[in-house]
PDB file of N, CA and C in Angstrom:
ATOM      1  N   UNK A   1       0.845  -1.173   0.000  1.00  0.00           N
ATOM      2  CA  UNK A   1       0.000   0.000   0.000  1.00  0.00           C
ATOM      3  C   UNK A   1       0.892   1.238   0.000  1.00  0.00           C
ATOM      4  N   UNK A   2       0.657   2.145  -0.901  1.00  0.00           N
ATOM      5  CA  UNK A   2       1.469   3.360  -0.996  1.00  0.00           C
ATOM      6  C   UNK A   2       1.134   4.298   0.153  1.00  0.00           C
ATOM      7  N   UNK A   3       2.169   4.971   0.656  1.00  0.00           N
ATOM      8  CA  UNK A   3       1.929   5.946   1.722  1.00  0.00           C
ATOM      9  C   UNK A   3       1.337   7.213   1.131  1.00  0.00           C
ATOM     10  N   UNK A   4       0.389   7.769   1.861  1.00  0.00           N
ATOM     11  CA  UNK A   4      -0.226   9.022   1.434  1.00  0.00           C
ATOM     12  C   UNK A   4       0.706  10.162   1.835  1.00  0.00           C
ATOM     13  N   UNK A   5       0.945  11.077   0.923  1.00  0.00           N
ATOM     14  CA  UNK A   5       1.805  12.211   1.228  1.00  0.00           C
ATOM     15  C   UNK A   5       1.136  13.092   2.272  1.00  0.00           C
ATOM     16  N   UNK A   6       1.958  13.695   3.134  1.00  0.00           N
ATOM     17  CA  UNK A   6       1.455  14.545   4.204  1.00  0.00           C
ATOM     18  C   UNK A   6       0.553  15.646   3.653  1.00  0.00           C
ATOM     19  N   UNK A   7       0.914  16.273   2.561  1.00  0.00           N
ATOM     20  CA  UNK A   7       0.132  17.371   1.991  1.00  0.00           C
ATOM     21  C   UNK A   7      -1.230  16.908   1.480  1.00  0.00           C
ATOM     22  N   UNK A   8      -1.364  15.618   1.177  1.00  0.00           N
ATOM     23  CA  UNK A   8      -2.627  15.099   0.656  1.00  0.00           C
ATOM     24  C   UNK A   8      -3.603  14.700   1.746  1.00  0.00           C
ATOM     25  N   UNK A   9      -3.141  14.565   2.959  1.00  0.00           N
ATOM     26  CA  UNK A   9      -4.005  14.154   4.064  1.00  0.00           C
ATOM     27  C   UNK A   9      -4.932  15.303   4.444  1.00  0.00           C
ATOM     28  N   UNK A  10      -6.183  14.985   4.720  1.00  0.00           N
ATOM     29  CA  UNK A  10      -7.085  16.054   5.152  1.00  0.00           C
ATOM     30  C   UNK A  10      -6.651  16.594   6.507  1.00  0.00           C
ATOM     31  N   UNK A  11      -6.715  17.895   6.655  1.00  0.00           N
ATOM     32  CA  UNK A  11      -6.339  18.529   7.914  1.00  0.00           C
ATOM     33  C   UNK A  11      -7.408  18.250   8.957  1.00  0.00           C
ATOM     34  N   UNK A  12      -6.980  17.931  10.177  1.00  0.00           N
ATOM     35  CA  UNK A  12      -7.928  17.733  11.272  1.00  0.00           C
ATOM     36  C   UNK A  12      -8.511  19.097  11.648  1.00  0.00           C
ATOM     37  N   UNK A  13      -9.792  19.138  11.842  1.00  0.00           N
ATOM     38  CA  UNK A  13     -10.450  20.393  12.210  1.00  0.00           C
ATOM     39  C   UNK A  13     -10.452  20.507  13.723  1.00  0.00           C
ATOM     40  N   UNK A  14      -9.737  21.475  14.229  1.00  0.00           N
ATOM     41  CA  UNK A  14      -9.663  21.708  15.663  1.00  0.00           C
ATOM     42  C   UNK A  14     -10.667  22.793  16.047  1.00  0.00           C
ATOM     43  N   UNK A  15     -11.347  22.620  17.170  1.00  0.00           N
ATOM     44  CA  UNK A  15     -12.268  23.669  17.619  1.00  0.00           C
ATOM     45  C   UNK A  15     -11.507  24.936  17.983  1.00  0.00           C
ATOM     46  N   UNK A  16     -11.964  26.058  17.452  1.00  0.00           N
ATOM     47  CA  UNK A  16     -11.389  27.364  17.755  1.00  0.00           C
ATOM     48  C   UNK A  16     -12.525  28.367  17.945  1.00  0.00           C
ATOM     49  N   UNK A  17     -12.181  29.538  18.402  1.00  0.00           N
ATOM     50  CA  UNK A  17     -13.167  30.612  18.530  1.00  0.00           C
ATOM     51  C   UNK A  17     -13.833  30.873  17.175  1.00  0.00           C
ATOM     52  N   UNK A  18     -13.056  30.855  16.109  1.00  0.00           N
ATOM     53  CA  UNK A  18     -13.574  31.113  14.763  1.00  0.00           C
ATOM     54  C   UNK A  18     -14.336  29.918  14.200  1.00  0.00           C
ATOM     55  N   UNK A  19     -14.042  28.728  14.710  1.00  0.00           N
ATOM     56  CA  UNK A  19     -14.670  27.499  14.235  1.00  0.00           C
ATOM     57  C   UNK A  19     -15.024  26.626  15.451  1.00  0.00           C
ATOM     58  N   UNK A  20     -16.108  27.002  16.170  1.00  0.00           N
ATOM     59  CA  UNK A  20     -16.460  26.277  17.397  1.00  0.00           C
ATOM     60  C   UNK A  20     -17.134  24.944  17.085  1.00  0.00           C
ATOM     61  N   UNK A  21     -16.332  23.979  16.630  1.00  0.00           N
ATOM     62  CA  UNK A  21     -16.857  22.720  16.094  1.00  0.00           C
ATOM     63  C   UNK A  21     -16.704  21.540  17.042  1.00  0.00           C
ATOM     64  N   UNK A  22     -16.337  21.790  18.288  1.00  0.00           N
ATOM     65  CA  UNK A  22     -16.163  20.685  19.229  1.00  0.00           C
ATOM     66  C   UNK A  22     -17.489  20.051  19.604  1.00  0.00           C
ATOM     67  N   UNK A  23     -17.442  18.828  20.136  1.00  0.00           N
ATOM     68  CA  UNK A  23     -18.681  18.182  20.563  1.00  0.00           C
ATOM     69  C   UNK A  23     -19.281  18.920  21.762  1.00  0.00           C
ATOM     70  N   UNK A  24     -20.582  18.816  21.910  1.00  0.00           N
ATOM     71  CA  UNK A  24     -21.295  19.499  22.989  1.00  0.00           C
ATOM     72  C   UNK A  24     -20.885  18.956  24.355  1.00  0.00           C
ATOM     73  N   UNK A  25     -20.708  17.667  24.455  1.00  0.00           N
ATOM     74  CA  UNK A  25     -20.357  17.047  25.731  1.00  0.00           C
ATOM     75  C   UNK A  25     -19.287  15.995  25.549  1.00  0.00           C
ATOM     76  N   UNK A  26     -19.075  15.211  26.604  1.00  0.00           N
ATOM     77  CA  UNK A  26     -18.085  14.150  26.567  1.00  0.00           C
ATOM     78  C   UNK A  26     -18.578  12.961  25.751  1.00  0.00           C
ATOM     79  N   UNK A  27     -19.871  12.685  25.858  1.00  0.00           N
ATOM     80  CA  UNK A  27     -20.451  11.579  25.104  1.00  0.00           C
ATOM     81  C   UNK A  27     -21.959  11.577  25.200  1.00  0.00           C
ATOM     82  N   UNK A  28     -22.615  11.077  24.159  1.00  0.00           N
ATOM     83  CA  UNK A  28     -24.070  10.960  24.150  1.00  0.00           C
ATOM     84  C   UNK A  28     -24.451   9.718  24.959  1.00  0.00           C
ATOM     85  N   UNK A  29     -25.355   9.893  25.927  1.00  0.00           N
ATOM     86  CA  UNK A  29     -25.770   8.762  26.753  1.00  0.00           C
ATOM     87  C   UNK A  29     -27.195   8.306  26.435  1.00  0.00           C
ATOM     88  N   UNK A  30     -27.946   9.114  25.675  1.00  0.00           N
ATOM     89  CA  UNK A  30     -29.294   8.719  25.247  1.00  0.00           C
ATOM     90  C   UNK A  30     -29.695   9.626  24.088  1.00  0.00           C
ATOM     91  N   UNK A  31     -30.420   9.045  23.133  1.00  0.00           N
ATOM     92  CA  UNK A  31     -30.929   9.858  22.029  1.00  0.00           C
ATOM     93  C   UNK A  31     -32.150   9.188  21.430  1.00  0.00           C
ATOM     94  N   UNK A  32     -33.172  10.007  21.124  1.00  0.00           N
ATOM     95  CA  UNK A  32     -34.322   9.560  20.350  1.00  0.00           C
ATOM     96  C   UNK A  32     -34.739  10.706  19.432  1.00  0.00           C
ATOM     97  N   UNK A  33     -35.940  10.673  18.879  1.00  0.00           N
ATOM     98  CA  UNK A  33     -36.350  11.724  17.948  1.00  0.00           C
ATOM     99  C   UNK A  33     -36.724  13.028  18.652  1.00  0.00           C
ATOM    100  N   UNK A  34     -36.790  13.040  19.985  1.00  0.00           N
ATOM    101  CA  UNK A  34     -37.159  14.235  20.747  1.00  0.00           C
ATOM    102  C   UNK A  34     -35.967  14.939  21.407  1.00  0.00           C
ATOM    103  N   UNK A  35     -35.012  14.151  21.927  1.00  0.00           N
ATOM    104  CA  UNK A  35     -33.904  14.709  22.705  1.00  0.00           C
ATOM    105  C   UNK A  35     -32.591  13.995  22.390  1.00  0.00           C
ATOM    106  N   UNK A  36     -31.512  14.690  22.691  1.00  0.00           N
ATOM    107  CA  UNK A  36     -30.165  14.081  22.726  1.00  0.00           C
ATOM    108  C   UNK A  36     -29.606  14.446  24.097  1.00  0.00           C
ATOM    109  N   UNK A  37     -29.157  13.449  24.858  1.00  0.00           N
ATOM    110  CA  UNK A  37     -28.667  13.666  26.217  1.00  0.00           C
ATOM    111  C   UNK A  37     -27.169  13.408  26.252  1.00  0.00           C
ATOM    112  N   UNK A  38     -26.439  14.411  26.698  1.00  0.00           N
ATOM    113  CA  UNK A  38     -24.981  14.346  26.794  1.00  0.00           C
ATOM    114  C   UNK A  38     -24.541  14.251  28.248  1.00  0.00           C
ATOM    115  N   UNK A  39     -23.516  13.461  28.501  1.00  0.00           N
ATOM    116  CA  UNK A  39     -22.759  13.545  29.740  1.00  0.00           C
ATOM    117  C   UNK A  39     -21.628  14.507  29.428  1.00  0.00           C
ATOM    118  N   UNK A  40     -21.355  15.442  30.312  1.00  0.00           N
ATOM    119  CA  UNK A  40     -20.303  16.427  30.057  1.00  0.00           C
ATOM    120  C   UNK A  40     -19.401  16.488  31.282  1.00  0.00           C
ATOM    121  N   UNK A  41     -18.145  16.128  31.084  1.00  0.00           N
ATOM    122  CA  UNK A  41     -17.167  16.114  32.176  1.00  0.00           C
ATOM    123  C   UNK A  41     -15.963  16.956  31.784  1.00  0.00           C
ATOM    124  N   UNK A  42     -15.469  17.724  32.757  1.00  0.00           N
ATOM    125  CA  UNK A  42     -14.261  18.525  32.551  1.00  0.00           C
ATOM    126  C   UNK A  42     -13.372  18.326  33.781  1.00  0.00           C
ATOM    127  N   UNK A  43     -12.140  17.948  33.545  1.00  0.00           N
ATOM    128  CA  UNK A  43     -11.180  17.727  34.643  1.00  0.00           C
ATOM    129  C   UNK A  43     -10.937  19.025  35.409  1.00  0.00           C
ATOM    130  N   UNK A  44     -10.492  18.889  36.644  1.00  0.00           N
ATOM    131  CA  UNK A  44     -10.130  20.056  37.453  1.00  0.00           C
ATOM    132  C   UNK A  44      -9.125  20.906  36.686  1.00  0.00           C
ATOM    133  N   UNK A  45      -9.421  22.182  36.531  1.00  0.00           N
ATOM    134  CA  UNK A  45      -8.538  23.084  35.796  1.00  0.00           C
ATOM    135  C   UNK A  45      -8.568  22.907  34.297  1.00  0.00           C
ATOM    136  N   UNK A  46      -9.408  22.006  33.791  1.00  0.00           N
ATOM    137  CA  UNK A  46      -9.468  21.719  32.359  1.00  0.00           C
ATOM    138  C   UNK A  46     -10.484  22.595  31.633  1.00  0.00           C
ATOM    139  N   UNK A  47     -10.682  22.288  30.363  1.00  0.00           N
ATOM    140  CA  UNK A  47     -11.642  23.059  29.585  1.00  0.00           C
ATOM    141  C   UNK A  47     -12.402  22.164  28.620  1.00  0.00           C
ATOM    142  N   UNK A  48     -13.572  22.612  28.246  1.00  0.00           N
ATOM    143  CA  UNK A  48     -14.396  22.000  27.200  1.00  0.00           C
ATOM    144  C   UNK A  48     -14.215  22.894  25.990  1.00  0.00           C
ATOM    145  N   UNK A  49     -13.595  22.359  24.956  1.00  0.00           N
ATOM    146  CA  UNK A  49     -13.211  23.149  23.779  1.00  0.00           C
ATOM    147  C   UNK A  49     -14.407  23.857  23.145  1.00  0.00           C
ATOM    148  N   UNK A  50     -14.094  24.818  22.326  1.00  0.00           N
ATOM    149  CA  UNK A  50     -15.091  25.631  21.632  1.00  0.00           C
ATOM    150  C   UNK A  50     -16.138  24.752  20.952  1.00  0.00           C
ATOM    151  N   UNK A  51     -17.403  25.105  21.174  1.00  0.00           N
ATOM    152  CA  UNK A  51     -18.511  24.350  20.588  1.00  0.00           C
ATOM    153  C   UNK A  51     -19.709  25.270  20.372  1.00  0.00           C
ATOM    154  N   UNK A  52     -20.637  24.822  19.546  1.00  0.00           N
ATOM    155  CA  UNK A  52     -21.806  25.611  19.145  1.00  0.00           C
ATOM    156  C   UNK A  52     -23.065  24.844  19.498  1.00  0.00           C
ATOM    157  N   UNK A  53     -23.901  25.434  20.317  1.00  0.00           N
ATOM    158  CA  UNK A  53     -25.179  24.825  20.686  1.00  0.00           C
ATOM    159  C   UNK A  53     -26.217  25.201  19.635  1.00  0.00           C
ATOM    160  N   UNK A  54     -26.537  24.280  18.754  1.00  0.00           N
ATOM    161  CA  UNK A  54     -27.468  24.543  17.657  1.00  0.00           C
ATOM    162  C   UNK A  54     -28.919  24.271  18.040  1.00  0.00           C
ATOM    163  N   UNK A  55     -29.143  23.695  19.222  1.00  0.00           N
ATOM    164  CA  UNK A  55     -30.483  23.385  19.709  1.00  0.00           C
ATOM    165  C   UNK A  55     -30.689  24.016  21.086  1.00  0.00           C
ATOM    166  N   UNK A  56     -31.956  24.336  21.442  1.00  0.00           N
ATOM    167  CA  UNK A  56     -32.271  24.706  22.816  1.00  0.00           C
ATOM    168  C   UNK A  56     -31.825  23.566  23.721  1.00  0.00           C
ATOM    169  N   UNK A  57     -31.416  23.898  24.964  1.00  0.00           N
ATOM    170  CA  UNK A  57     -30.943  22.843  25.852  1.00  0.00           C
ATOM    171  C   UNK A  57     -31.124  23.183  27.319  1.00  0.00           C
ATOM    172  N   UNK A  58     -31.146  22.128  28.127  1.00  0.00           N
ATOM    173  CA  UNK A  58     -31.250  22.219  29.576  1.00  0.00           C
ATOM    174  C   UNK A  58     -30.026  21.534  30.171  1.00  0.00           C
ATOM    175  N   UNK A  59     -29.450  22.165  31.187  1.00  0.00           N
ATOM    176  CA  UNK A  59     -28.300  21.593  31.892  1.00  0.00           C
ATOM    177  C   UNK A  59     -28.730  21.223  33.308  1.00  0.00           C
ATOM    178  N   UNK A  60     -28.373  20.029  33.748  1.00  0.00           N
ATOM    179  CA  UNK A  60     -28.578  19.598  35.128  1.00  0.00           C
ATOM    180  C   UNK A  60     -27.191  19.401  35.731  1.00  0.00           C
ATOM    181  N   UNK A  61     -26.861  20.207  36.720  1.00  0.00           N
ATOM    182  CA  UNK A  61     -25.529  20.139  37.337  1.00  0.00           C
ATOM    183  C   UNK A  61     -25.414  18.914  38.227  1.00  0.00           C
ATOM    184  N   UNK A  62     -24.405  18.108  37.967  1.00  0.00           N
ATOM    185  CA  UNK A  62     -24.169  16.900  38.748  1.00  0.00           C
ATOM    186  C   UNK A  62     -23.191  17.200  39.884  1.00  0.00           C
ATOM    187  N   UNK A  63     -22.058  17.820  39.564  1.00  0.00           N
ATOM    188  CA  UNK A  63     -21.016  18.030  40.577  1.00  0.00           C
ATOM    189  C   UNK A  63     -21.019  19.443  41.142  1.00  0.00           C
ATOM    190  N   UNK A  64     -21.494  20.394  40.376  1.00  0.00           N
ATOM    191  CA  UNK A  64     -21.352  21.778  40.785  1.00  0.00           C
ATOM    192  C   UNK A  64     -19.911  22.223  40.655  1.00  0.00           C
ATOM    193  N   UNK A  65     -19.693  23.508  40.808  1.00  0.00           N
ATOM    194  CA  UNK A  65     -18.335  24.035  40.749  1.00  0.00           C
ATOM    195  C   UNK A  65     -18.280  25.370  40.039  1.00  0.00           C
ATOM    196  N   UNK A  66     -17.149  26.007  40.178  1.00  0.00           N
ATOM    197  CA  UNK A  66     -16.929  27.319  39.571  1.00  0.00           C
ATOM    198  C   UNK A  66     -16.425  27.140  38.144  1.00  0.00           C
ATOM    199  N   UNK A  67     -17.119  27.768  37.198  1.00  0.00           N
ATOM    200  CA  UNK A  67     -16.741  27.674  35.791  1.00  0.00           C
ATOM    201  C   UNK A  67     -16.642  29.063  35.175  1.00  0.00           C
ATOM    202  N   UNK A  68     -15.949  29.130  34.063  1.00  0.00           N
ATOM    203  CA  UNK A  68     -15.875  30.357  33.269  1.00  0.00           C
ATOM    204  C   UNK A  68     -16.289  30.002  31.849  1.00  0.00           C
ATOM    205  N   UNK A  69     -17.230  30.763  31.302  1.00  0.00           N
ATOM    206  CA  UNK A  69     -17.654  30.608  29.911  1.00  0.00           C
ATOM    207  C   UNK A  69     -17.172  31.824  29.140  1.00  0.00           C
ATOM    208  N   UNK A  70     -16.503  31.581  28.015  1.00  0.00           N
ATOM    209  CA  UNK A  70     -16.088  32.666  27.130  1.00  0.00           C
ATOM    210  C   UNK A  70     -16.773  32.461  25.797  1.00  0.00           C
ATOM    211  N   UNK A  71     -17.483  33.514  25.311  1.00  0.00           N
ATOM    212  CA  UNK A  71     -18.147  33.376  24.019  1.00  0.00           C
ATOM    213  C   UNK A  71     -17.228  33.829  22.895  1.00  0.00           C
ATOM    214  N   UNK A  72     -17.678  33.659  21.656  1.00  0.00           N
ATOM    215  CA  UNK A  72     -16.829  33.951  20.501  1.00  0.00           C
ATOM    216  C   UNK A  72     -16.493  35.429  20.368  1.00  0.00           C
ATOM    217  N   UNK A  73     -17.231  36.301  21.064  1.00  0.00           N
ATOM    218  CA  UNK A  73     -16.931  37.736  21.042  1.00  0.00           C
ATOM    219  C   UNK A  73     -15.939  38.133  22.122  1.00  0.00           C
ATOM    220  N   UNK A  74     -15.481  37.161  22.918  1.00  0.00           N
ATOM    221  CA  UNK A  74     -14.504  37.439  23.964  1.00  0.00           C
ATOM    222  C   UNK A  74     -15.123  37.796  25.309  1.00  0.00           C
ATOM    223  N   UNK A  75     -16.453  37.811  25.400  1.00  0.00           N
ATOM    224  CA  UNK A  75     -17.134  38.113  26.664  1.00  0.00           C
ATOM    225  C   UNK A  75     -17.075  36.885  27.570  1.00  0.00           C
ATOM    226  N   UNK A  76     -16.702  37.085  28.833  1.00  0.00           N
ATOM    227  CA  UNK A  76     -16.636  35.963  29.763  1.00  0.00           C
ATOM    228  C   UNK A  76     -17.588  36.186  30.929  1.00  0.00           C
ATOM    229  N   UNK A  77     -18.106  35.077  31.440  1.00  0.00           N
ATOM    230  CA  UNK A  77     -18.873  35.100  32.688  1.00  0.00           C
ATOM    231  C   UNK A  77     -18.326  33.989  33.566  1.00  0.00           C
ATOM    232  N   UNK A  78     -18.361  34.227  34.859  1.00  0.00           N
ATOM    233  CA  UNK A  78     -17.965  33.221  35.836  1.00  0.00           C
ATOM    234  C   UNK A  78     -19.216  32.849  36.609  1.00  0.00           C
ATOM    235  N   UNK A  79     -19.444  31.549  36.760  1.00  0.00           N
ATOM    236  CA  UNK A  79     -20.619  31.067  37.481  1.00  0.00           C
ATOM    237  C   UNK A  79     -20.185  30.045  38.519  1.00  0.00           C
ATOM    238  N   UNK A  80     -20.952  29.985  39.588  1.00  0.00           N
ATOM    239  CA  UNK A  80     -20.726  28.980  40.620  1.00  0.00           C
ATOM    240  C   UNK A  80     -21.933  28.055  40.590  1.00  0.00           C
ATOM    241  N   UNK A  81     -21.845  27.016  39.773  1.00  0.00           N
ATOM    242  CA  UNK A  81     -22.959  26.087  39.588  1.00  0.00           C
ATOM    243  C   UNK A  81     -23.154  25.238  40.843  1.00  0.00           C
ATOM    244  N   UNK A  82     -24.402  25.120  41.260  1.00  0.00           N
ATOM    245  CA  UNK A  82     -24.741  24.335  42.455  1.00  0.00           C
ATOM    246  C   UNK A  82     -25.152  22.927  42.063  1.00  0.00           C
ATOM    247  N   UNK A  83     -24.814  21.941  42.872  1.00  0.00           N
ATOM    248  CA  UNK A  83     -25.215  20.552  42.655  1.00  0.00           C
ATOM    249  C   UNK A  83     -26.742  20.507  42.546  1.00  0.00           C
ATOM    250  N   UNK A  84     -27.240  19.867  41.496  1.00  0.00           N
ATOM    251  CA  UNK A  84     -28.678  19.742  41.292  1.00  0.00           C
ATOM    252  C   UNK A  84     -29.320  20.939  40.621  1.00  0.00           C
ATOM    253  N   UNK A  85     -28.567  21.990  40.387  1.00  0.00           N
ATOM    254  CA  UNK A  85     -29.112  23.174  39.727  1.00  0.00           C
ATOM    255  C   UNK A  85     -29.487  22.866  38.286  1.00  0.00           C
ATOM    256  N   UNK A  86     -30.494  23.575  37.786  1.00  0.00           N
ATOM    257  CA  UNK A  86     -30.971  23.381  36.422  1.00  0.00           C
ATOM    258  C   UNK A  86     -30.895  24.725  35.697  1.00  0.00           C
ATOM    259  N   UNK A  87     -30.360  24.699  34.470  1.00  0.00           N
ATOM    260  CA  UNK A  87     -30.158  25.924  33.686  1.00  0.00           C
ATOM    261  C   UNK A  87     -30.754  25.725  32.304  1.00  0.00           C
ATOM    262  N   UNK A  88     -31.531  26.694  31.834  1.00  0.00           N
ATOM    263  CA  UNK A  88     -32.096  26.698  30.477  1.00  0.00           C
ATOM    264  C   UNK A  88     -31.252  27.613  29.609  1.00  0.00           C
ATOM    265  N   UNK A  89     -30.982  27.199  28.357  1.00  0.00           N
ATOM    266  CA  UNK A  89     -30.280  28.052  27.399  1.00  0.00           C
ATOM    267  C   UNK A  89     -30.914  27.904  26.024  1.00  0.00           C
ATOM    268  N   UNK A  90     -31.076  29.042  25.353  1.00  0.00           N
ATOM    269  CA  UNK A  90     -31.576  29.034  23.979  1.00  0.00           C
ATOM    270  C   UNK A  90     -30.480  28.586  23.019  1.00  0.00           C
ATOM    271  N   UNK A  91     -30.898  28.069  21.883  1.00  0.00           N
ATOM    272  CA  UNK A  91     -29.978  27.682  20.813  1.00  0.00           C
ATOM    273  C   UNK A  91     -29.140  28.881  20.387  1.00  0.00           C
ATOM    274  N   UNK A  92     -27.952  28.600  19.880  1.00  0.00           N
ATOM    275  CA  UNK A  92     -27.119  29.643  19.284  1.00  0.00           C
ATOM    276  C   UNK A  92     -25.843  29.956  20.025  1.00  0.00           C
ATOM    277  N   UNK A  93     -25.729  29.527  21.264  1.00  0.00           N
ATOM    278  CA  UNK A  93     -24.538  29.864  22.031  1.00  0.00           C
ATOM    279  C   UNK A  93     -23.306  29.167  21.458  1.00  0.00           C
ATOM    280  N   UNK A  94     -22.226  29.935  21.388  1.00  0.00           N
ATOM    281  CA  UNK A  94     -20.923  29.427  20.940  1.00  0.00           C
ATOM    282  C   UNK A  94     -19.927  29.838  22.013  1.00  0.00           C
ATOM    283  N   UNK A  95     -19.326  28.849  22.671  1.00  0.00           N
ATOM    284  CA  UNK A  95     -18.427  29.185  23.768  1.00  0.00           C
ATOM    285  C   UNK A  95     -17.454  28.068  24.091  1.00  0.00           C
ATOM    286  N   UNK A  96     -16.523  28.423  24.990  1.00  0.00           N
ATOM    287  CA  UNK A  96     -15.593  27.477  25.586  1.00  0.00           C
ATOM    288  C   UNK A  96     -15.829  27.542  27.092  1.00  0.00           C
ATOM    289  N   UNK A  97     -15.789  26.396  27.755  1.00  0.00           N
ATOM    290  CA  UNK A  97     -16.003  26.341  29.201  1.00  0.00           C
ATOM    291  C   UNK A  97     -14.702  25.950  29.871  1.00  0.00           C
ATOM    292  N   UNK A  98     -14.354  26.671  30.928  1.00  0.00           N
ATOM    293  CA  UNK A  98     -13.168  26.340  31.721  1.00  0.00           C
ATOM    294  C   UNK A  98     -13.612  25.979  33.132  1.00  0.00           C
ATOM    295  N   UNK A  99     -13.080  24.894  33.664  1.00  0.00           N
ATOM    296  CA  UNK A  99     -13.381  24.471  35.022  1.00  0.00           C
ATOM    297  C   UNK A  99     -12.383  25.136  35.961  1.00  0.00           C
ATOM    298  N   UNK A 100     -12.862  26.079  36.749  1.00  0.00           N
ATOM    299  CA  UNK A 100     -12.001  26.805  37.680  1.00  0.00           C
ATOM    300  C   UNK A 100     -11.927  26.116  39.044  1.00  0.00           C
ATOM    301  N   UNK A 101     -12.660  25.015  39.192  1.00  0.00           N
ATOM    302  CA  UNK A 101     -12.706  24.292  40.464  1.00  0.00           C
ATOM    303  C   UNK A 101     -11.497  23.383  40.616  1.00  0.00           C
ATOM    304  N   UNK A 102     -11.243  22.995  41.832  1.00  0.00           N
ATOM    305  CA  UNK A 102     -10.160  22.066  42.118  1.00  0.00           C
ATOM    306  C   UNK A 102     -10.603  20.618  42.065  1.00  0.00           C
ATOM    307  N   UNK A 103     -11.754  20.364  41.446  1.00  0.00           N
ATOM    308  CA  UNK A 103     -12.274  19.004  41.319  1.00  0.00           C
ATOM    309  C   UNK A 103     -12.960  18.870  39.960  1.00  0.00           C
ATOM    310  N   UNK A 104     -13.190  17.640  39.500  1.00  0.00           N
ATOM    311  CA  UNK A 104     -13.861  17.456  38.207  1.00  0.00           C
ATOM    312  C   UNK A 104     -15.251  18.105  38.202  1.00  0.00           C
ATOM    313  N   UNK A 105     -15.634  18.625  37.067  1.00  0.00           N
ATOM    314  CA  UNK A 105     -16.940  19.251  36.870  1.00  0.00           C
ATOM    315  C   UNK A 105     -17.759  18.335  35.961  1.00  0.00           C
ATOM    316  N   UNK A 106     -19.031  18.141  36.315  1.00  0.00           N
ATOM    317  CA  UNK A 106     -19.882  17.286  35.490  1.00  0.00           C
ATOM    318  C   UNK A 106     -21.298  17.838  35.452  1.00  0.00           C
ATOM    319  N   UNK A 107     -21.903  17.754  34.257  1.00  0.00           N
ATOM    320  CA  UNK A 107     -23.326  18.019  34.140  1.00  0.00           C
ATOM    321  C   UNK A 107     -23.927  17.083  33.102  1.00  0.00           C
ATOM    322  N   UNK A 108     -25.240  17.050  33.097  1.00  0.00           N
ATOM    323  CA  UNK A 108     -26.001  16.343  32.077  1.00  0.00           C
ATOM    324  C   UNK A 108     -26.674  17.424  31.252  1.00  0.00           C
ATOM    325  N   UNK A 109     -26.510  17.354  29.943  1.00  0.00           N
ATOM    326  CA  UNK A 109     -27.055  18.366  29.043  1.00  0.00           C
ATOM    327  C   UNK A 109     -28.070  17.694  28.122  1.00  0.00           C
ATOM    328  N   UNK A 110     -29.282  18.252  28.075  1.00  0.00           N
ATOM    329  CA  UNK A 110     -30.362  17.691  27.273  1.00  0.00           C
ATOM    330  C   UNK A 110     -30.696  18.674  26.150  1.00  0.00           C
ATOM    331  N   UNK A 111     -30.417  18.259  24.915  1.00  0.00           N
ATOM    332  CA  UNK A 111     -30.772  19.073  23.748  1.00  0.00           C
ATOM    333  C   UNK A 111     -32.191  18.707  23.307  1.00  0.00           C
ATOM    334  N   UNK A 112     -33.001  19.736  23.024  1.00  0.00           N
ATOM    335  CA  UNK A 112     -34.382  19.536  22.596  1.00  0.00           C
ATOM    336  C   UNK A 112     -34.452  19.636  21.081  1.00  0.00           C
ATOM    337  N   UNK A 113     -34.676  18.519  20.432  1.00  0.00           N
ATOM    338  CA  UNK A 113     -34.648  18.484  18.963  1.00  0.00           C
ATOM    339  C   UNK A 113     -35.822  19.203  18.329  1.00  0.00           C
ATOM    340  N   UNK A 114     -36.922  19.388  19.044  1.00  0.00           N
ATOM    341  CA  UNK A 114     -38.090  20.056  18.480  1.00  0.00           C
ATOM    342  C   UNK A 114     -38.228  21.503  18.944  1.00  0.00           C
ATOM    343  N   UNK A 115     -37.201  22.041  19.585  1.00  0.00           N
ATOM    344  CA  UNK A 115     -37.204  23.426  20.017  1.00  0.00           C
ATOM    345  C   UNK A 115     -36.663  24.316  18.904  1.00  0.00           C
ATOM    346  N   UNK A 116     -36.208  25.517  19.293  1.00  0.00           N
ATOM    347  CA  UNK A 116     -35.589  26.422  18.332  1.00  0.00           C
ATOM    348  C   UNK A 116     -34.230  25.864  17.917  1.00  0.00           C
ATOM    349  N   UNK A 117     -33.811  26.219  16.724  1.00  0.00           N
ATOM    350  CA  UNK A 117     -32.496  25.800  16.239  1.00  0.00           C
ATOM    351  C   UNK A 117     -31.721  27.028  15.800  1.00  0.00           C
ATOM    352  N   UNK A 118     -30.412  26.870  15.716  1.00  0.00           N
ATOM    353  CA  UNK A 118     -29.513  27.933  15.278  1.00  0.00           C
ATOM    354  C   UNK A 118     -28.552  27.350  14.248  1.00  0.00           C
ATOM    355  N   UNK A 119     -28.212  28.149  13.279  1.00  0.00           N
ATOM    356  CA  UNK A 119     -27.240  27.659  12.279  1.00  0.00           C
ATOM    357  C   UNK A 119     -25.883  28.248  12.519  1.00  0.00           C
TER     358      UNK A 119
END
């Protein structure tokens, strides 16, 4: 089998502020025609790469913790999520999440497939 030249290989698309193409969560744990449910984990001091929420969604905080969200315009907010807290967000958000806590951060994120969408 001939080796493919480096220049011919497709470039891996990395999530960036300009191209927030990362996955919404760590992994999909349930999906049907109504919802997609993500488990989302971020290590202590880690980050969830740039991503775009194209569907309305609900977050259920599992671990709680201090996080920082930065949107594509450079605006940041710091939140102290409480264990069991529930957060609603409209479709369209593009951001990166940083875990400012000294412990792993986890939430369950439920995307609503029949809600509003964003391109």
